[in-house]
Amino acid sequence: MSLYFVLLVAIAAAFSVPPRPAPQLYRRYCISCHGSDGKAKTSKGRFSHARDLTDAQWQSDVSDERIFNSIMNGRNVRGNMPAFSNKLNDKEADSLVTFVRSFK
C-alpha cells in the first residue's frame, strides 16, 4: 500500500505545474495595456482607459481584494479590462496583486 502512495505522490508532483513568477505574468498579460512602468501610456492602454498603476491616490484607495477581483473578473467601469480567471490560478493572481503594489 505504501508503494502505491509513493507512486501516486510522484505522479502528482510530475504533473503539478509550479506557479509562474509575477514579472513573467505581468509581461504576458498586463504590459500591453499598463506598460512596463505601470503608467498605462501604451496605445492599447490609452484606448482601453487602462488604470495607471503608479497613481498614489489609487494605490492608497484600492484594496488588495479589489485588485484581485479586477484581475480575475475584469472591470468595465472606468475602462475595459478583460477577466483572466481562465488564464491564471488564485496564487498567480495573488502574486500579481503584490507586483501591482510594487508600482507605488
Protein backbone atom coordinates (compact mmCIF):
# COMPACT_ATOMS: atom_id res chain seq x y z
CA MET A 1 0.00 0.00 0.00
CA SER A 2 2.82 2.46 0.81
CA LEU A 3 4.41 1.85 -2.61
CA TYR A 4 1.10 2.83 -4.19
CA PHE A 5 1.05 6.06 -2.13
CA VAL A 6 4.64 6.93 -3.09
CA LEU A 7 3.84 6.30 -6.75
CA LEU A 8 0.71 8.44 -6.53
CA VAL A 9 2.65 11.32 -4.94
CA ALA A 10 5.38 11.05 -7.58
CA ILE A 11 2.82 11.18 -10.40
CA ALA A 12 1.06 14.17 -8.84
CA ALA A 13 4.36 16.00 -8.46
CA ALA A 14 5.27 15.29 -12.06
CA PHE A 15 2.02 16.82 -13.31
CA SER A 16 1.86 19.78 -10.97
CA VAL A 17 2.98 22.97 -12.62
CA PRO A 18 4.71 25.50 -10.39
CA PRO A 19 3.11 28.95 -10.40
CA ARG A 20 4.63 31.34 -12.88
CA PRO A 21 6.50 34.32 -11.38
CA ALA A 22 4.60 37.62 -11.25
CA PRO A 23 7.01 39.54 -13.54
CA GLN A 24 6.53 36.88 -16.20
CA LEU A 25 2.74 37.01 -15.79
CA TYR A 26 2.77 40.81 -15.95
CA ARG A 27 4.79 40.72 -19.19
CA ARG A 28 2.43 38.14 -20.67
CA TYR A 29 -0.95 39.58 -19.69
CA CYS A 30 -0.64 43.17 -18.44
CA ILE A 31 2.16 45.04 -20.17
CA SER A 32 0.31 45.68 -23.42
CA CYS A 33 -2.17 47.94 -21.61
CA HIS A 34 -0.44 49.01 -18.39
CA GLY A 35 3.06 49.33 -19.86
CA SER A 36 6.36 48.18 -18.41
CA ASP A 37 6.31 51.08 -15.94
CA GLY A 38 2.64 50.65 -14.95
CA LYS A 39 1.66 54.11 -16.21
CA ALA A 40 -0.73 52.82 -18.95
CA LYS A 41 0.79 55.10 -21.59
CA THR A 42 0.66 52.44 -24.32
CA SER A 43 -1.67 52.96 -27.29
CA LYS A 44 -3.75 49.97 -26.20
CA GLY A 45 -3.80 51.31 -22.63
CA ARG A 46 -4.99 54.74 -23.73
CA PHE A 47 -7.65 53.20 -25.99
CA SER A 48 -9.00 50.93 -23.23
CA HIS A 49 -8.59 53.57 -20.47
CA ALA A 50 -6.27 51.27 -18.51
CA ARG A 51 -5.50 52.22 -14.93
CA ASP A 52 -2.23 53.98 -14.13
CA LEU A 53 -0.87 51.55 -11.54
CA THR A 54 1.60 54.16 -10.27
CA ASP A 55 -1.14 56.59 -9.21
CA ALA A 56 -0.51 57.14 -5.49
CA GLN A 57 -4.12 58.05 -4.72
CA TRP A 58 -5.43 54.90 -6.42
CA GLN A 59 -2.79 52.76 -4.67
CA SER A 60 -3.90 54.07 -1.27
CA ASP A 61 -7.65 53.81 -2.01
CA VAL A 62 -7.84 50.35 -3.59
CA SER A 63 -7.80 47.13 -1.58
CA ASP A 64 -5.85 44.02 -2.48
CA GLU A 65 -9.17 42.21 -2.77
CA ARG A 66 -10.41 44.66 -5.38
CA ILE A 67 -7.20 44.33 -7.41
CA PHE A 68 -7.51 40.53 -7.21
CA ASN A 69 -11.15 40.68 -8.32
CA SER A 70 -10.31 43.03 -11.18
CA ILE A 71 -7.61 40.64 -12.39
CA MET A 72 -9.80 37.55 -12.16
CA ASN A 73 -13.18 39.02 -13.20
CA GLY A 74 -12.22 42.04 -15.31
CA ARG A 75 -13.63 45.54 -14.98
CA ASN A 76 -15.97 47.54 -17.12
CA VAL A 77 -16.34 50.67 -15.00
CA ARG A 78 -13.64 53.16 -15.91
CA GLY A 79 -12.15 51.14 -18.75
CA ASN A 80 -12.47 47.77 -20.36
CA MET A 81 -10.25 45.20 -18.61
CA PRO A 82 -10.76 41.55 -19.56
CA ALA A 83 -11.07 38.77 -17.00
CA PHE A 84 -8.07 36.48 -16.55
CA SER A 85 -9.68 33.75 -14.41
CA ASN A 86 -9.36 31.34 -17.32
CA LYS A 87 -5.62 32.05 -17.63
CA LEU A 88 -4.45 32.47 -14.01
CA ASN A 89 -4.91 30.50 -10.83
CA ASP A 90 -5.50 32.18 -7.46
CA LYS A 91 -1.83 32.03 -6.43
CA GLU A 92 -0.76 33.68 -9.68
CA ALA A 93 -3.38 36.41 -9.27
CA ASP A 94 -2.22 36.98 -5.68
CA SER A 95 1.35 37.34 -6.91
CA LEU A 96 0.18 39.90 -9.48
CA VAL A 97 -1.54 41.88 -6.72
CA THR A 98 1.79 42.08 -4.89
CA PHE A 99 3.52 43.02 -8.16
CA VAL A 100 0.97 45.80 -8.82
CA ARG A 101 1.67 47.12 -5.32
CA SER A 102 5.35 47.41 -6.26
CA PHE A 103 4.42 50.31 -8.57
CA LYS A 104 3.73 52.55 -5.52
